[in-house]
N, C-alpha and C. Protein backbone atom coordinates (compact mmCIF):
# COMPACT_ATOMS: atom_id res chain seq x y z
N UNK A 1 115.84 79.39 115.85
CA UNK A 1 115.59 80.27 116.65
C UNK A 1 115.55 81.36 115.84
N UNK A 2 114.67 82.26 115.92
CA UNK A 2 114.67 83.93 115.20
C UNK A 2 115.54 85.00 116.07
N UNK A 3 116.37 85.31 115.67
CA UNK A 3 117.01 86.74 116.20
C UNK A 3 116.74 87.87 115.59
N UNK A 4 117.08 88.78 116.71
CA UNK A 4 116.78 90.46 116.41
C UNK A 4 114.98 90.54 116.47
N UNK A 5 114.63 92.03 115.90
CA UNK A 5 113.62 92.64 116.26
C UNK A 5 112.67 92.12 114.79
N UNK A 6 111.70 91.42 114.88
CA UNK A 6 111.12 91.38 113.87
C UNK A 6 109.65 91.76 113.45
N UNK A 7 109.41 93.18 113.53
CA UNK A 7 107.92 93.79 113.42
C UNK A 7 107.29 93.43 112.47
N UNK A 8 105.76 92.98 113.01
CA UNK A 8 105.20 92.94 111.65
C UNK A 8 104.41 94.00 111.44
N UNK A 9 103.42 93.99 110.15
CA UNK A 9 102.98 95.14 109.94
C UNK A 9 101.64 95.26 110.97
N UNK A 10 101.14 94.34 111.51
CA UNK A 10 100.24 94.42 112.75
C UNK A 10 100.92 95.47 113.74
N UNK A 11 101.95 94.85 114.24
CA UNK A 11 103.00 95.75 115.14
C UNK A 11 103.12 97.18 115.03
N UNK A 12 103.30 97.59 113.69
CA UNK A 12 103.81 98.77 113.21
C UNK A 12 102.21 99.68 113.42
N UNK A 13 101.17 99.09 113.13
CA UNK A 13 99.95 99.94 112.87
C UNK A 13 99.74 100.55 114.15
N UNK A 14 100.44 99.88 115.51
CA UNK A 14 99.82 100.83 116.34
C UNK A 14 100.55 102.26 116.91
N UNK A 15 101.20 102.55 115.65
CA UNK A 15 101.85 104.08 115.53
C UNK A 15 100.84 104.82 115.39
N UNK A 16 100.96 106.08 116.02
CA UNK A 16 99.78 107.10 116.08
C UNK A 16 99.91 107.67 114.77
N UNK A 17 98.50 107.68 114.52
CA UNK A 17 98.30 108.23 113.02
C UNK A 17 97.46 109.43 112.96
N UNK A 18 97.83 110.47 112.17
CA UNK A 18 97.49 111.78 112.12
C UNK A 18 96.81 111.87 111.08
N UNK A 19 95.39 112.79 110.99
CA UNK A 19 94.71 112.72 109.93
C UNK A 19 94.89 113.84 109.01
N UNK A 20 95.18 114.19 107.90
CA UNK A 20 95.90 114.81 107.12
C UNK A 20 94.64 114.56 105.61
N UNK A 21 94.78 116.01 104.78
CA UNK A 21 94.04 116.00 103.59
C UNK A 21 95.06 116.44 102.70
N UNK A 22 96.00 115.56 102.15
CA UNK A 22 97.16 115.97 101.20
C UNK A 22 97.07 114.98 99.92
N UNK A 23 97.01 115.88 98.89
CA UNK A 23 97.20 115.22 97.71
C UNK A 23 98.81 115.05 97.20
N UNK A 24 99.22 113.91 96.50
CA UNK A 24 100.51 113.98 96.34
C UNK A 24 100.34 113.13 94.60
N UNK A 25 101.57 112.97 94.25
CA UNK A 25 101.73 112.26 92.74
C UNK A 25 102.78 111.61 93.10
N UNK A 26 102.53 110.11 93.07
CA UNK A 26 103.57 108.98 93.11
C UNK A 26 104.13 108.83 92.28
N UNK A 27 105.39 108.30 91.94
CA UNK A 27 106.16 107.86 90.74
C UNK A 27 106.36 106.34 90.83
N UNK A 28 105.75 105.53 89.87
CA UNK A 28 105.80 104.26 89.82
C UNK A 28 106.63 103.95 88.62
N UNK A 29 107.32 102.96 88.86
CA UNK A 29 108.28 102.58 87.74
C UNK A 29 107.70 102.04 86.18
N UNK A 30 106.59 101.36 86.49
CA UNK A 30 105.65 101.07 85.05
C UNK A 30 104.63 102.18 84.77
N UNK A 31 103.61 102.64 85.85
CA UNK A 31 102.41 103.37 85.48
C UNK A 31 102.49 104.61 85.63
N UNK A 32 104.05 104.99 86.01
CA UNK A 32 104.57 106.61 85.85
C UNK A 32 103.64 107.28 87.08
N UNK A 33 102.98 108.84 86.88
CA UNK A 33 102.89 109.37 87.82
C UNK A 33 100.94 108.75 88.20
N UNK A 34 101.14 108.56 89.47
CA UNK A 34 99.82 107.97 90.34
C UNK A 34 99.67 109.10 91.33
N UNK A 35 98.08 109.61 91.12
CA UNK A 35 97.90 110.63 92.12
C UNK A 35 97.12 109.92 92.82
N UNK A 36 97.44 110.24 94.66
CA UNK A 36 96.73 109.54 95.43
C UNK A 36 96.32 110.91 96.66
N UNK A 37 95.33 110.79 97.23
CA UNK A 37 95.07 111.55 98.36
C UNK A 37 95.06 110.91 100.04
N UNK A 38 96.36 111.27 100.35
CA UNK A 38 96.61 110.60 101.55
C UNK A 38 95.53 111.39 102.60
N UNK A 39 95.04 110.41 103.48
CA UNK A 39 94.04 110.77 104.38
C UNK A 39 94.68 110.68 105.93
N UNK A 40 95.75 109.86 106.21
CA UNK A 40 96.48 109.39 107.38
C UNK A 40 97.34 109.25 107.28
N UNK A 41 98.52 109.68 108.34
CA UNK A 41 99.97 109.25 108.28
C UNK A 41 100.52 108.98 109.35
N UNK A 42 101.48 108.35 109.55
CA UNK A 42 102.30 107.88 110.63
C UNK A 42 104.05 107.87 110.26
N UNK A 43 104.68 107.77 111.26
CA UNK A 43 106.42 107.78 110.86
C UNK A 43 106.43 106.49 110.34
N UNK A 44 105.33 105.55 109.92
CA UNK A 44 105.98 103.99 109.38
C UNK A 44 105.04 104.11 108.15
N UNK A 45 104.38 104.85 107.98
CA UNK A 45 103.43 104.83 106.46
C UNK A 45 102.32 105.65 106.63
N UNK A 46 101.11 105.55 105.39
CA UNK A 46 100.35 106.50 105.28
C UNK A 46 98.88 105.59 104.73
N UNK A 47 97.84 106.18 104.89
CA UNK A 47 96.59 105.52 104.25
C UNK A 47 95.97 106.53 103.13
N UNK A 48 95.95 105.97 101.86
CA UNK A 48 95.07 106.63 101.23
C UNK A 48 93.48 106.50 100.67
N UNK A 49 92.62 107.35 100.04
CA UNK A 49 91.39 107.09 99.88
C UNK A 49 91.66 107.06 98.52
N UNK A 50 90.98 106.13 98.00
CA UNK A 50 90.47 105.43 96.62
C UNK A 50 91.26 104.29 96.17
N UNK A 51 91.40 103.79 95.05
CA UNK A 51 92.22 102.72 94.52
C UNK A 51 93.43 103.28 93.99
N UNK A 52 94.41 102.70 94.37
CA UNK A 52 95.81 102.93 93.99
C UNK A 52 95.98 102.58 92.55
N UNK A 53 95.84 101.41 91.96
CA UNK A 53 96.19 100.86 90.78
C UNK A 53 97.42 100.15 90.70
N UNK A 54 97.64 99.64 91.86
CA UNK A 54 99.03 99.14 92.19
C UNK A 54 98.49 97.65 92.83
N UNK A 55 99.18 96.69 93.05
CA UNK A 55 99.22 95.61 93.57
C UNK A 55 99.94 95.29 95.02
N UNK A 56 99.49 94.54 95.82
CA UNK A 56 100.32 94.53 97.18
C UNK A 56 101.73 94.18 96.86
N UNK A 57 102.43 94.92 97.25
CA UNK A 57 103.83 94.66 97.51
C UNK A 57 104.88 95.72 96.47
N UNK A 58 104.06 96.23 95.43
CA UNK A 58 104.54 97.35 94.51
C UNK A 58 105.04 98.41 95.24
N UNK A 59 105.89 98.76 94.95
CA UNK A 59 106.49 100.28 95.47
C UNK A 59 106.10 101.87 94.83
N UNK A 60 106.42 102.54 95.05
CA UNK A 60 105.91 103.92 94.70
C UNK A 60 107.06 105.00 95.25
N UNK A 61 107.21 106.21 94.74
CA UNK A 61 108.03 107.15 95.33
C UNK A 61 107.42 108.48 95.48
N UNK A 62 106.68 108.87 96.80
CA UNK A 62 106.39 110.15 96.58
C UNK A 62 107.09 111.13 97.28
N UNK A 63 106.40 112.60 97.44
CA UNK A 63 107.42 113.67 98.07
C UNK A 63 106.65 114.30 99.25
N UNK A 64 107.10 114.66 100.31
CA UNK A 64 106.41 114.74 101.17
C UNK A 64 107.23 116.30 102.02
N UNK A 65 106.71 117.27 102.51
CA UNK A 65 107.08 118.45 102.80
C UNK A 65 108.00 118.02 103.93
N UNK A 66 109.09 118.60 104.03
CA UNK A 66 110.21 118.67 105.06
C UNK A 66 110.91 117.37 104.83
N UNK A 67 110.49 116.27 104.24
CA UNK A 67 111.08 115.06 104.39
C UNK A 67 111.48 114.68 102.91
N UNK A 68 111.11 115.19 101.62
CA UNK A 68 111.65 115.18 100.58
C UNK A 68 110.84 113.65 99.87
N UNK A 69 111.97 113.04 99.01
CA UNK A 69 111.04 111.82 98.25
C UNK A 69 111.23 110.68 99.54
N UNK A 70 110.50 110.14 99.69
CA UNK A 70 110.16 108.39 100.44
C UNK A 70 109.66 107.67 99.52
N UNK A 71 110.38 106.45 99.82
CA UNK A 71 109.83 105.17 98.81
C UNK A 71 108.64 104.62 100.13
N UNK A 72 107.46 103.68 99.35
CA UNK A 72 106.81 103.28 100.36
C UNK A 72 106.18 101.72 99.28
N UNK A 73 105.73 101.11 99.79
CA UNK A 73 105.04 99.77 99.30
C UNK A 73 103.93 99.71 99.68
N UNK A 74 103.06 98.90 98.97
CA UNK A 74 101.49 98.99 99.39
C UNK A 74 101.40 97.52 100.20
N UNK A 75 100.67 97.81 101.12
CA UNK A 75 100.57 96.71 102.31
C UNK A 75 99.36 96.41 101.95
N UNK A 76 98.30 96.77 102.08
CA UNK A 76 96.82 96.43 101.80
C UNK A 76 96.02 97.23 101.02
N UNK A 77 94.93 96.94 100.29
CA UNK A 77 93.80 97.65 99.57
C UNK A 77 92.68 97.19 99.58
N UNK A 78 91.79 97.82 99.91
CA UNK A 78 90.03 97.39 99.61
C UNK A 78 89.55 98.47 98.53
N UNK A 79 88.33 98.29 98.45
CA UNK A 79 87.72 98.99 96.98
C UNK A 79 87.95 100.58 97.60
N UNK A 80 87.91 101.24 98.62
CA UNK A 80 87.86 102.56 99.20
C UNK A 80 89.21 103.08 99.66
N UNK A 81 90.21 102.15 100.13
CA UNK A 81 91.39 102.99 100.77
C UNK A 81 92.50 101.91 100.68
N UNK A 82 93.93 102.43 100.87
CA UNK A 82 94.99 101.39 100.53
C UNK A 82 95.60 102.16 101.81
N UNK A 83 96.50 101.12 102.34
CA UNK A 83 97.49 101.21 103.32
C UNK A 83 99.16 100.90 102.60
N UNK A 84 99.90 101.88 102.97
CA UNK A 84 101.64 101.91 102.37
C UNK A 84 102.40 101.85 103.49
N UNK A 85 103.40 101.23 103.45
CA UNK A 85 104.50 101.51 104.43
C UNK A 85 105.79 102.01 103.99
N UNK A 86 106.55 102.83 104.60
CA UNK A 86 107.64 103.89 103.93
C UNK A 86 108.70 102.81 103.98
N UNK A 87 109.57 102.82 103.43
CA UNK A 87 110.87 101.86 103.27
C UNK A 87 111.55 102.13 104.43
N UNK A 88 111.61 103.11 105.42
CA UNK A 88 111.96 103.78 106.60
C UNK A 88 111.35 104.40 107.44
N UNK A 89 111.88 104.34 108.67
CA UNK A 89 111.17 105.34 109.69
C UNK A 89 111.26 106.40 109.68
N UNK A 90 110.63 107.42 109.39
CA UNK A 90 110.64 109.05 109.63
C UNK A 90 110.93 109.04 111.04
N UNK A 91 112.11 109.84 111.27
CA UNK A 91 112.62 110.37 112.41
C UNK A 91 111.43 111.22 113.03
N UNK A 92 111.71 110.96 114.45
CA UNK A 92 110.66 111.96 114.88
C UNK A 92 110.71 113.56 114.84
N UNK A 93 111.69 114.21 114.84
CA UNK A 93 112.04 115.51 114.85
C UNK A 93 111.17 115.71 113.30
N UNK A 94 112.04 114.98 112.30
CA UNK A 94 111.15 115.39 110.80
C UNK A 94 109.73 115.17 110.70
N UNK A 95 109.41 114.07 111.41
CA UNK A 95 108.12 113.74 111.36
C UNK A 95 107.18 114.95 112.03
N UNK A 96 107.51 115.41 113.52
CA UNK A 96 106.87 116.58 113.64
C UNK A 96 106.74 117.87 112.82
N UNK A 97 107.62 117.95 112.35
CA UNK A 97 107.99 119.43 111.02
C UNK A 97 106.85 118.78 110.01
N UNK A 98 106.71 117.54 109.66
CA UNK A 98 105.96 117.06 108.51
C UNK A 98 104.63 117.22 109.09
N UNK A 99 104.06 117.14 110.15
CA UNK A 99 102.52 117.18 110.64
C UNK A 99 102.15 118.42 110.94
N UNK A 100 103.12 119.35 111.09
CA UNK A 100 102.81 120.78 111.19
C UNK A 100 102.64 121.32 109.76
N UNK A 101 103.55 120.78 108.81
CA UNK A 101 103.12 121.33 107.34
C UNK A 101 101.78 120.76 106.78
N UNK A 102 101.42 119.29 107.18
CA UNK A 102 100.21 118.78 106.59
C UNK A 102 99.04 119.05 107.29
N UNK A 103 99.17 119.37 108.52
CA UNK A 103 98.07 119.33 109.60
C UNK A 103 97.94 120.86 110.37
N UNK A 104 97.86 121.74 109.33
CA UNK A 104 97.82 123.43 110.05
C UNK A 104 96.89 123.59 111.29
N UNK A 105 95.92 122.86 111.50
CA UNK A 105 94.94 123.31 112.62
C UNK A 105 95.29 122.26 113.85
N UNK A 106 96.23 123.17 114.74
CA UNK A 106 96.37 122.31 116.24
C UNK A 106 95.54 121.36 117.08
N UNK A 107 94.40 121.63 116.79
CA UNK A 107 93.21 121.04 117.13
C UNK A 107 93.15 119.59 116.67
N UNK A 108 93.44 119.44 115.57
CA UNK A 108 93.54 118.02 115.02
C UNK A 108 94.72 117.13 114.93
N UNK A 109 96.00 117.90 115.69
CA UNK A 109 97.04 116.88 115.65
C UNK A 109 96.91 116.53 116.96
N UNK A 110 97.60 115.12 116.85
CA UNK A 110 97.67 114.30 118.18
C UNK A 110 98.33 114.87 119.13
N UNK A 111 98.15 114.81 120.58
CA UNK A 111 98.88 115.27 121.61
C UNK A 111 100.39 114.90 121.45
N UNK A 112 101.29 115.65 121.91
CA UNK A 112 102.79 115.46 121.83
C UNK A 112 103.54 114.81 123.17
């Protein structure tokens, strides 16, 4: 019998996603700098447009405003998009500051 909470990727996808338009340079241990365009973000992860050049499960480190460096791993990828999961959940207080920095237009922010 399993013990403890065991969230699946599907469960975490229920988190509210915020539309953003943010370019970052990810750090990969083999590929070096990987340029990415984040199009939406949640406290659990983010989605990019375009191919990342990574394989499912590979890890990358990005730098986000107010959060700093955070590691994420590739969960899924199509020809046009890819989804990453953060190695830790971003705290609500920090996430609110992050969204304010990444999405300055209050009409596009999800209601709080």
